[in-house]
Structures are given as C-alpha cells and as structure tokens.
PDB file of N, CA and C in Angstrom:
ATOM      1  N   MET A   1     -27.261 -12.662  -4.950  1.00  0.00           N
ATOM      2  CA  MET A   1     -26.243 -13.729  -4.938  1.00  0.00           C
ATOM      3  C   MET A   1     -26.666 -14.732  -6.004  1.00  0.00           C
ATOM      4  N   ALA A   2     -25.731 -15.076  -6.900  1.00  0.00           N
ATOM      5  CA  ALA A   2     -26.023 -16.053  -7.958  1.00  0.00           C
ATOM      6  C   ALA A   2     -26.038 -17.442  -7.411  1.00  0.00           C
ATOM      7  N   ARG A   3     -26.966 -18.220  -7.880  1.00  0.00           N
ATOM      8  CA  ARG A   3     -27.082 -19.598  -7.446  1.00  0.00           C
ATOM      9  C   ARG A   3     -26.372 -20.499  -8.417  1.00  0.00           C
ATOM     10  N   LYS A   4     -25.553 -21.394  -7.896  1.00  0.00           N
ATOM     11  CA  LYS A   4     -24.829 -22.324  -8.752  1.00  0.00           C
ATOM     12  C   LYS A   4     -25.749 -23.423  -9.234  1.00  0.00           C
ATOM     13  N   LYS A   5     -25.460 -23.906 -10.470  1.00  0.00           N
ATOM     14  CA  LYS A   5     -26.213 -25.022 -10.960  1.00  0.00           C
ATOM     15  C   LYS A   5     -25.808 -26.265 -10.185  1.00  0.00           C
ATOM     16  N   SER A   6     -26.829 -27.062  -9.852  1.00  0.00           N
ATOM     17  CA  SER A   6     -26.477 -28.286  -9.096  1.00  0.00           C
ATOM     18  C   SER A   6     -25.950 -29.303 -10.093  1.00  0.00           C
ATOM     19  N   LYS A   7     -24.810 -29.858  -9.752  1.00  0.00           N
ATOM     20  CA  LYS A   7     -24.171 -30.844 -10.609  1.00  0.00           C
ATOM     21  C   LYS A   7     -24.146 -32.173  -9.881  1.00  0.00           C
ATOM     22  N   GLU A   8     -24.343 -33.233 -10.634  1.00  0.00           N
ATOM     23  CA  GLU A   8     -24.176 -34.524 -10.025  1.00  0.00           C
ATOM     24  C   GLU A   8     -22.701 -34.880 -10.090  1.00  0.00           C
ATOM     25  N   SER A   9     -22.294 -35.793  -9.219  1.00  0.00           N
ATOM     26  CA  SER A   9     -20.899 -36.189  -9.229  1.00  0.00           C
ATOM     27  C   SER A   9     -20.820 -37.694  -9.230  1.00  0.00           C
ATOM     28  N   VAL A  10     -19.674 -38.174  -9.618  1.00  0.00           N
ATOM     29  CA  VAL A  10     -19.441 -39.598  -9.687  1.00  0.00           C
ATOM     30  C   VAL A  10     -18.141 -39.931  -8.953  1.00  0.00           C
ATOM     31  N   ASN A  11     -18.122 -41.109  -8.293  1.00  0.00           N
ATOM     32  CA  ASN A  11     -16.945 -41.514  -7.578  1.00  0.00           C
ATOM     33  C   ASN A  11     -15.981 -42.135  -8.592  1.00  0.00           C
ATOM     34  N   THR A  12     -14.700 -41.753  -8.523  1.00  0.00           N
ATOM     35  CA  THR A  12     -13.650 -42.329  -9.325  1.00  0.00           C
ATOM     36  C   THR A  12     -12.513 -42.747  -8.424  1.00  0.00           C
ATOM     37  N   PRO A  13     -11.549 -43.496  -8.938  1.00  0.00           N
ATOM     38  CA  PRO A  13     -10.375 -43.795  -8.097  1.00  0.00           C
ATOM     39  C   PRO A  13      -9.618 -42.560  -7.643  1.00  0.00           C
ATOM     40  N   PHE A  14      -9.842 -41.406  -8.320  1.00  0.00           N
ATOM     41  CA  PHE A  14      -9.159 -40.179  -8.015  1.00  0.00           C
ATOM     42  C   PHE A  14      -9.983 -39.237  -7.151  1.00  0.00           C
ATOM     43  N   GLY A  15     -11.160 -39.679  -6.703  1.00  0.00           N
ATOM     44  CA  GLY A  15     -12.035 -38.862  -5.863  1.00  0.00           C
ATOM     45  C   GLY A  15     -13.345 -38.598  -6.568  1.00  0.00           C
ATOM     46  N   ARG A  16     -14.167 -37.711  -6.002  1.00  0.00           N
ATOM     47  CA  ARG A  16     -15.445 -37.376  -6.621  1.00  0.00           C
ATOM     48  C   ARG A  16     -15.272 -36.339  -7.691  1.00  0.00           C
ATOM     49  N   VAL A  17     -15.906 -36.566  -8.844  1.00  0.00           N
ATOM     50  CA  VAL A  17     -15.784 -35.659  -9.992  1.00  0.00           C
ATOM     51  C   VAL A  17     -17.174 -35.154 -10.335  1.00  0.00           C
ATOM     52  N   PRO A  18     -17.384 -33.822 -10.375  1.00  0.00           N
ATOM     53  CA  PRO A  18     -18.719 -33.310 -10.739  1.00  0.00           C
ATOM     54  C   PRO A  18     -18.958 -33.490 -12.228  1.00  0.00           C
ATOM     55  N   LEU A  19     -20.210 -33.773 -12.591  1.00  0.00           N
ATOM     56  CA  LEU A  19     -20.614 -33.988 -13.978  1.00  0.00           C
ATOM     57  C   LEU A  19     -21.747 -33.095 -14.360  1.00  0.00           C
ATOM     58  N   THR A  20     -21.711 -32.553 -15.578  1.00  0.00           N
ATOM     59  CA  THR A  20     -22.868 -31.843 -16.126  1.00  0.00           C
ATOM     60  C   THR A  20     -23.812 -32.891 -16.698  1.00  0.00           C
ATOM     61  N   SER A  21     -25.002 -32.503 -17.114  1.00  0.00           N
ATOM     62  CA  SER A  21     -25.939 -33.462 -17.655  1.00  0.00           C
ATOM     63  C   SER A  21     -25.447 -34.086 -18.934  1.00  0.00           C
ATOM     64  N   GLU A  22     -24.730 -33.329 -19.778  1.00  0.00           N
ATOM     65  CA  GLU A  22     -24.177 -33.873 -21.027  1.00  0.00           C
ATOM     66  C   GLU A  22     -23.113 -34.912 -20.702  1.00  0.00           C
ATOM     67  N   GLU A  23     -22.256 -34.618 -19.767  1.00  0.00           N
ATOM     68  CA  GLU A  23     -21.214 -35.577 -19.387  1.00  0.00           C
ATOM     69  C   GLU A  23     -21.812 -36.837 -18.770  1.00  0.00           C
ATOM     70  N   LYS A  24     -22.872 -36.628 -18.003  1.00  0.00           N
ATOM     71  CA  LYS A  24     -23.545 -37.801 -17.376  1.00  0.00           C
ATOM     72  C   LYS A  24     -24.074 -38.738 -18.431  1.00  0.00           C
ATOM     73  N   ALA A  25     -24.672 -38.194 -19.516  1.00  0.00           N
ATOM     74  CA  ALA A  25     -25.178 -39.007 -20.598  1.00  0.00           C
ATOM     75  C   ALA A  25     -24.063 -39.780 -21.276  1.00  0.00           C
ATOM     76  N   THR A  26     -22.897 -39.133 -21.465  1.00  0.00           N
ATOM     77  CA  THR A  26     -21.734 -39.791 -22.099  1.00  0.00           C
ATOM     78  C   THR A  26     -21.206 -40.924 -21.180  1.00  0.00           C
ATOM     79  N   VAL A  27     -21.156 -40.673 -19.911  1.00  0.00           N
ATOM     80  CA  VAL A  27     -20.665 -41.711 -18.999  1.00  0.00           C
ATOM     81  C   VAL A  27     -21.626 -42.895 -19.020  1.00  0.00           C
ATOM     82  N   LYS A  28     -22.930 -42.670 -19.077  1.00  0.00           N
ATOM     83  CA  LYS A  28     -23.888 -43.757 -19.111  1.00  0.00           C
ATOM     84  C   LYS A  28     -23.732 -44.588 -20.363  1.00  0.00           C
ATOM     85  N   VAL A  29     -23.493 -43.937 -21.539  1.00  0.00           N
ATOM     86  CA  VAL A  29     -23.319 -44.668 -22.764  1.00  0.00           C
ATOM     87  C   VAL A  29     -22.059 -45.532 -22.707  1.00  0.00           C
ATOM     88  N   ILE A  30     -21.000 -45.018 -22.183  1.00  0.00           N
ATOM     89  CA  ILE A  30     -19.747 -45.771 -22.050  1.00  0.00           C
ATOM     90  C   ILE A  30     -19.957 -46.924 -21.076  1.00  0.00           C
ATOM     91  N   ALA A  31     -20.585 -46.661 -19.962  1.00  0.00           N
ATOM     92  CA  ALA A  31     -20.820 -47.705 -18.962  1.00  0.00           C
ATOM     93  C   ALA A  31     -21.700 -48.829 -19.545  1.00  0.00           C
ATOM     94  N   ASP A  32     -22.627 -48.518 -20.405  1.00  0.00           N
ATOM     95  CA  ASP A  32     -23.507 -49.543 -20.996  1.00  0.00           C
ATOM     96  C   ASP A  32     -22.711 -50.444 -21.948  1.00  0.00           C
ATOM     97  N   ARG A  33     -21.601 -49.934 -22.519  1.00  0.00           N
ATOM     98  CA  ARG A  33     -20.820 -50.740 -23.462  1.00  0.00           C
ATOM     99  C   ARG A  33     -19.833 -51.670 -22.780  1.00  0.00           C
ATOM    100  N   VAL A  34     -19.559 -51.451 -21.514  1.00  0.00           N
ATOM    101  CA  VAL A  34     -18.574 -52.253 -20.807  1.00  0.00           C
ATOM    102  C   VAL A  34     -19.180 -53.631 -20.466  1.00  0.00           C
ATOM    103  N   LYS A  35     -18.438 -54.679 -20.822  1.00  0.00           N
ATOM    104  CA  LYS A  35     -18.889 -56.010 -20.480  1.00  0.00           C
ATOM    105  C   LYS A  35     -18.447 -56.347 -19.067  1.00  0.00           C
ATOM    106  N   THR A  36     -19.335 -56.867 -18.276  1.00  0.00           N
ATOM    107  CA  THR A  36     -19.010 -57.230 -16.900  1.00  0.00           C
ATOM    108  C   THR A  36     -19.367 -58.693 -16.620  1.00  0.00           C
ATOM    109  N   GLU A  37     -19.183 -59.546 -17.610  1.00  0.00           N
ATOM    110  CA  GLU A  37     -19.477 -60.947 -17.399  1.00  0.00           C
ATOM    111  C   GLU A  37     -18.386 -61.590 -16.525  1.00  0.00           C
ATOM    112  N   VAL A  38     -18.816 -62.520 -15.718  1.00  0.00           N
ATOM    113  CA  VAL A  38     -17.895 -63.204 -14.824  1.00  0.00           C
ATOM    114  C   VAL A  38     -18.118 -64.692 -14.962  1.00  0.00           C
ATOM    115  N   ILE A  39     -17.023 -65.426 -14.952  1.00  0.00           N
ATOM    116  CA  ILE A  39     -17.148 -66.895 -14.998  1.00  0.00           C
ATOM    117  C   ILE A  39     -17.735 -67.306 -13.652  1.00  0.00           C
ATOM    118  N   ALA A  40     -18.934 -67.904 -13.718  1.00  0.00           N
ATOM    119  CA  ALA A  40     -19.698 -68.173 -12.501  1.00  0.00           C
ATOM    120  C   ALA A  40     -19.210 -69.356 -11.676  1.00  0.00           C
ATOM    121  N   ASN A  41     -18.848 -70.441 -12.349  1.00  0.00           N
ATOM    122  CA  ASN A  41     -18.533 -71.642 -11.611  1.00  0.00           C
ATOM    123  C   ASN A  41     -17.080 -72.034 -11.873  1.00  0.00           C
ATOM    124  N   ALA A  42     -16.273 -72.049 -10.831  1.00  0.00           N
ATOM    125  CA  ALA A  42     -14.848 -72.352 -10.993  1.00  0.00           C
ATOM    126  C   ALA A  42     -14.619 -73.851 -11.229  1.00  0.00           C
ATOM    127  N   TYR A  43     -15.578 -74.664 -10.901  1.00  0.00           N
ATOM    128  CA  TYR A  43     -15.378 -76.102 -11.046  1.00  0.00           C
ATOM    129  C   TYR A  43     -15.719 -76.626 -12.424  1.00  0.00           C
ATOM    130  N   SER A  44     -16.503 -75.872 -13.199  1.00  0.00           N
ATOM    131  CA  SER A  44     -16.684 -76.233 -14.592  1.00  0.00           C
ATOM    132  C   SER A  44     -16.536 -74.964 -15.402  1.00  0.00           C
ATOM    133  N   PRO A  45     -15.275 -74.660 -15.736  1.00  0.00           N
ATOM    134  CA  PRO A  45     -14.993 -73.352 -16.413  1.00  0.00           C
ATOM    135  C   PRO A  45     -15.633 -73.192 -17.732  1.00  0.00           C
ATOM    136  N   ASN A  46     -15.990 -71.945 -18.034  1.00  0.00           N
ATOM    137  CA  ASN A  46     -16.589 -71.592 -19.326  1.00  0.00           C
ATOM    138  C   ASN A  46     -15.503 -70.900 -20.164  1.00  0.00           C
ATOM    139  N   PHE A  47     -14.907 -71.645 -21.063  1.00  0.00           N
ATOM    140  CA  PHE A  47     -13.811 -71.129 -21.844  1.00  0.00           C
ATOM    141  C   PHE A  47     -14.282 -70.198 -22.944  1.00  0.00           C
ATOM    142  N   LYS A  48     -15.573 -70.172 -23.241  1.00  0.00           N
ATOM    143  CA  LYS A  48     -16.066 -69.321 -24.311  1.00  0.00           C
ATOM    144  C   LYS A  48     -15.804 -67.825 -24.024  1.00  0.00           C
ATOM    145  N   LEU A  49     -16.010 -67.400 -22.777  1.00  0.00           N
ATOM    146  CA  LEU A  49     -15.725 -66.009 -22.414  1.00  0.00           C
ATOM    147  C   LEU A  49     -14.228 -65.662 -22.615  1.00  0.00           C
ATOM    148  N   ILE A  50     -13.394 -66.609 -22.226  1.00  0.00           N
ATOM    149  CA  ILE A  50     -11.952 -66.385 -22.407  1.00  0.00           C
ATOM    150  C   ILE A  50     -11.610 -66.338 -23.875  1.00  0.00           C
ATOM    151  N   ASP A  51     -12.142 -67.270 -24.676  1.00  0.00           N
ATOM    152  CA  ASP A  51     -11.847 -67.286 -26.127  1.00  0.00           C
ATOM    153  C   ASP A  51     -12.367 -66.003 -26.794  1.00  0.00           C
ATOM    154  N   ASP A  52     -13.532 -65.509 -26.408  1.00  0.00           N
ATOM    155  CA  ASP A  52     -14.060 -64.279 -26.975  1.00  0.00           C
ATOM    156  C   ASP A  52     -13.141 -63.087 -26.633  1.00  0.00           C
ATOM    157  N   THR A  53     -12.607 -63.085 -25.406  1.00  0.00           N
ATOM    158  CA  THR A  53     -11.712 -62.019 -25.016  1.00  0.00           C
ATOM    159  C   THR A  53     -10.438 -62.067 -25.813  1.00  0.00           C
ATOM    160  N   VAL A  54      -9.911 -63.250 -26.054  1.00  0.00           N
ATOM    161  CA  VAL A  54      -8.694 -63.414 -26.862  1.00  0.00           C
ATOM    162  C   VAL A  54      -8.925 -62.912 -28.288  1.00  0.00           C
ATOM    163  N   GLU A  55     -10.094 -63.198 -28.853  1.00  0.00           N
ATOM    164  CA  GLU A  55     -10.403 -62.712 -30.194  1.00  0.00           C
ATOM    165  C   GLU A  55     -10.504 -61.174 -30.201  1.00  0.00           C
ATOM    166  N   GLU A  56     -11.095 -60.574 -29.194  1.00  0.00           N
ATOM    167  CA  GLU A  56     -11.174 -59.127 -29.084  1.00  0.00           C
ATOM    168  C   GLU A  56      -9.743 -58.525 -29.031  1.00  0.00           C
ATOM    169  N   ILE A  57      -8.890 -59.163 -28.241  1.00  0.00           N
ATOM    170  CA  ILE A  57      -7.503 -58.697 -28.148  1.00  0.00           C
ATOM    171  C   ILE A  57      -6.812 -58.773 -29.525  1.00  0.00           C
ATOM    172  N   LYS A  58      -7.025 -59.857 -30.235  1.00  0.00           N
ATOM    173  CA  LYS A  58      -6.388 -59.988 -31.547  1.00  0.00           C
ATOM    174  C   LYS A  58      -6.830 -58.866 -32.494  1.00  0.00           C
ATOM    175  N   LYS A  59      -8.129 -58.565 -32.488  1.00  0.00           N
ATOM    176  CA  LYS A  59      -8.630 -57.495 -33.339  1.00  0.00           C
ATOM    177  C   LYS A  59      -8.050 -56.155 -32.927  1.00  0.00           C
ATOM    178  N   SER A  60      -7.994 -55.901 -31.629  1.00  0.00           N
ATOM    179  CA  SER A  60      -7.497 -54.638 -31.117  1.00  0.00           C
ATOM    180  C   SER A  60      -5.994 -54.471 -31.423  1.00  0.00           C
ATOM    181  N   VAL A  61      -5.264 -55.561 -31.344  1.00  0.00           N
ATOM    182  CA  VAL A  61      -3.806 -55.512 -31.664  1.00  0.00           C
ATOM    183  C   VAL A  61      -3.601 -55.123 -33.156  1.00  0.00           C
ATOM    184  N   ARG A  62      -4.389 -55.689 -34.014  1.00  0.00           N
ATOM    185  CA  ARG A  62      -4.272 -55.353 -35.465  1.00  0.00           C
ATOM    186  C   ARG A  62      -4.651 -53.895 -35.697  1.00  0.00           C
ATOM    187  N   LYS A  63      -5.642 -53.426 -34.952  1.00  0.00           N
ATOM    188  CA  LYS A  63      -6.075 -52.002 -35.140  1.00  0.00           C
ATOM    189  C   LYS A  63      -5.094 -50.995 -34.576  1.00  0.00           C
ATOM    190  N   ASN A  64      -4.546 -51.285 -33.370  1.00  0.00           N
ATOM    191  CA  ASN A  64      -3.690 -50.323 -32.670  1.00  0.00           C
ATOM    192  C   ASN A  64      -2.207 -50.511 -32.917  1.00  0.00           C
ATOM    193  N   GLY A  65      -1.796 -51.641 -33.472  1.00  0.00           N
ATOM    194  CA  GLY A  65      -0.382 -51.848 -33.764  1.00  0.00           C
ATOM    195  C   GLY A  65       0.032 -51.226 -35.054  1.00  0.00           C
ATOM    196  N   VAL A  66       0.121 -49.933 -35.091  1.00  0.00           N
ATOM    197  CA  VAL A  66       0.340 -49.211 -36.329  1.00  0.00           C
ATOM    198  C   VAL A  66       1.798 -48.931 -36.668  1.00  0.00           C
ATOM    199  N   ASP A  67       2.665 -49.045 -35.663  1.00  0.00           N
ATOM    200  CA  ASP A  67       4.104 -48.806 -35.933  1.00  0.00           C
ATOM    201  C   ASP A  67       4.928 -49.678 -34.995  1.00  0.00           C
ATOM    202  N   HIS A  68       6.245 -49.605 -35.148  1.00  0.00           N
ATOM    203  CA  HIS A  68       7.146 -50.436 -34.369  1.00  0.00           C
ATOM    204  C   HIS A  68       6.997 -50.172 -32.874  1.00  0.00           C
ATOM    205  N   TYR A  69       6.874 -48.934 -32.474  1.00  0.00           N
ATOM    206  CA  TYR A  69       6.766 -48.521 -31.087  1.00  0.00           C
ATOM    207  C   TYR A  69       5.533 -49.115 -30.428  1.00  0.00           C
ATOM    208  N   SER A  70       4.373 -48.951 -31.096  1.00  0.00           N
ATOM    209  CA  SER A  70       3.131 -49.470 -30.498  1.00  0.00           C
ATOM    210  C   SER A  70       3.129 -51.012 -30.501  1.00  0.00           C
ATOM    211  N   CYS A  71       3.690 -51.646 -31.515  1.00  0.00           N
ATOM    212  CA  CYS A  71       3.771 -53.096 -31.523  1.00  0.00           C
ATOM    213  C   CYS A  71       4.652 -53.606 -30.377  1.00  0.00           C
ATOM    214  N   ASN A  72       5.756 -52.897 -30.110  1.00  0.00           N
ATOM    215  CA  ASN A  72       6.630 -53.290 -29.032  1.00  0.00           C
ATOM    216  C   ASN A  72       5.919 -53.130 -27.695  1.00  0.00           C
ATOM    217  N   ASN A  73       5.175 -52.068 -27.490  1.00  0.00           N
ATOM    218  CA  ASN A  73       4.400 -51.896 -26.260  1.00  0.00           C
ATOM    219  C   ASN A  73       3.348 -52.995 -26.082  1.00  0.00           C
ATOM    220  N   ILE A  74       2.661 -53.328 -27.166  1.00  0.00           N
ATOM    221  CA  ILE A  74       1.656 -54.386 -27.129  1.00  0.00           C
ATOM    222  C   ILE A  74       2.306 -55.706 -26.730  1.00  0.00           C
ATOM    223  N   TYR A  75       3.465 -55.975 -27.332  1.00  0.00           N
ATOM    224  CA  TYR A  75       4.182 -57.226 -27.027  1.00  0.00           C
ATOM    225  C   TYR A  75       4.538 -57.296 -25.551  1.00  0.00           C
ATOM    226  N   ILE A  76       5.037 -56.237 -24.993  1.00  0.00           N
ATOM    227  CA  ILE A  76       5.442 -56.206 -23.580  1.00  0.00           C
ATOM    228  C   ILE A  76       4.229 -56.415 -22.684  1.00  0.00           C
ATOM    229  N   ILE A  77       3.115 -55.768 -22.981  1.00  0.00           N
ATOM    230  CA  ILE A  77       1.880 -55.902 -22.196  1.00  0.00           C
ATOM    231  C   ILE A  77       1.370 -57.327 -22.273  1.00  0.00           C
ATOM    232  N   LEU A  78       1.366 -57.924 -23.452  1.00  0.00           N
ATOM    233  CA  LEU A  78       0.858 -59.296 -23.606  1.00  0.00           C
ATOM    234  C   LEU A  78       1.763 -60.288 -22.929  1.00  0.00           C
ATOM    235  N   GLN A  79       3.073 -60.092 -22.969  1.00  0.00           N
ATOM    236  CA  GLN A  79       3.972 -60.990 -22.275  1.00  0.00           C
ATOM    237  C   GLN A  79       3.721 -60.965 -20.773  1.00  0.00           C
ATOM    238  N   ASP A  80       3.481 -59.758 -20.246  1.00  0.00           N
ATOM    239  CA  ASP A  80       3.157 -59.602 -18.799  1.00  0.00           C
ATOM    240  C   ASP A  80       1.837 -60.321 -18.485  1.00  0.00           C
ATOM    241  N   ALA A  81       0.848 -60.159 -19.383  1.00  0.00           N
ATOM    242  CA  ALA A  81      -0.439 -60.821 -19.158  1.00  0.00           C
ATOM    243  C   ALA A  81      -0.262 -62.354 -19.184  1.00  0.00           C
ATOM    244  N   LEU A  82       0.554 -62.842 -20.072  1.00  0.00           N
ATOM    245  CA  LEU A  82       0.793 -64.297 -20.175  1.00  0.00           C
ATOM    246  C   LEU A  82       1.441 -64.830 -18.912  1.00  0.00           C
ATOM    247  N   LYS A  83       2.352 -64.082 -18.313  1.00  0.00           N
ATOM    248  CA  LYS A  83       2.976 -64.464 -17.044  1.00  0.00           C
ATOM    249  C   LYS A  83       1.892 -64.571 -15.967  1.00  0.00           C
ATOM    250  N   LYS A  84       0.981 -63.605 -15.959  1.00  0.00           N
ATOM    251  CA  LYS A  84      -0.084 -63.618 -14.941  1.00  0.00           C
ATOM    252  C   LYS A  84      -1.060 -64.790 -15.130  1.00  0.00           C
ATOM    253  N   VAL A  85      -1.336 -65.104 -16.391  1.00  0.00           N
ATOM    254  CA  VAL A  85      -2.182 -66.238 -16.682  1.00  0.00           C
ATOM    255  C   VAL A  85      -1.535 -67.516 -16.213  1.00  0.00           C
ATOM    256  N   ASN A  86      -0.228 -67.658 -16.463  1.00  0.00           N
ATOM    257  CA  ASN A  86       0.484 -68.851 -15.997  1.00  0.00           C
ATOM    258  C   ASN A  86       0.494 -68.948 -14.468  1.00  0.00           C
ATOM    259  N   LEU A  87       0.559 -67.826 -13.798  1.00  0.00           N
ATOM    260  CA  LEU A  87       0.539 -67.816 -12.310  1.00  0.00           C
ATOM    261  C   LEU A  87      -0.843 -68.125 -11.762  1.00  0.00           C
ATOM    262  N   SER A  88      -1.871 -67.860 -12.550  1.00  0.00           N
ATOM    263  CA  SER A  88      -3.277 -68.051 -12.047  1.00  0.00           C
ATOM    264  C   SER A  88      -3.568 -69.505 -11.817  1.00  0.00           C
ATOM    265  N   GLY A  89      -2.851 -70.385 -12.458  1.00  0.00           N
ATOM    266  CA  GLY A  89      -3.098 -71.817 -12.306  1.00  0.00           C
ATOM    267  C   GLY A  89      -2.487 -72.385 -11.026  1.00  0.00           C
ATOM    268  N   ASN A  90      -1.654 -71.633 -10.372  1.00  0.00           N
ATOM    269  CA  ASN A  90      -0.994 -72.145  -9.179  1.00  0.00           C
ATOM    270  C   ASN A  90      -1.800 -71.925  -7.950  1.00  0.00           C
TER     271      ASN A  90
END
C-alpha cells in the first residue's frame, strides 16, 4: 500500500486547503508582505497610516487603470469606499 505524502493545510474562508512545501513557502512570503498596522489610540488618531494608504492607492490606480473599463471600476470602488469613510465618522 502506497503511503501518501503528508501535506500541511491552511485555514481559508473557503475551508481547509492542503499545501505542499513549495506552496507553503510562497504563502509565507506573501504573508510577510502584508501590512497589519492598526491605529492604536482612537482618541489621538495617527493620520500618517491613513495618508500612506492613500498614497499607495494613488500609485495602484495609476498602475492598474490601463483602459476605460478598469478606470470605471476603480472609480466605482473608490466612491463606495468614500461613502464608508463618511459613515465611519457617525
């Protein structure tokens, strides 16, 4: 009887997904690149994190807005985000 290679798995919103060692290394590299900073104190806000995020969005828009269709999608997404930002102050 052949023995299966043991694979590690990772939890996702879609369930547990098995990973090979190569895939695990890729997931770790991607996870290391993700920023997880949080504004710590709500009473003295740190606008630098927000400003940095806005700058990243501007760069990404210029990079990914390559045609009318993609620019229209970006516009719709950003308008929705602006509505949510305005609601966050309430």
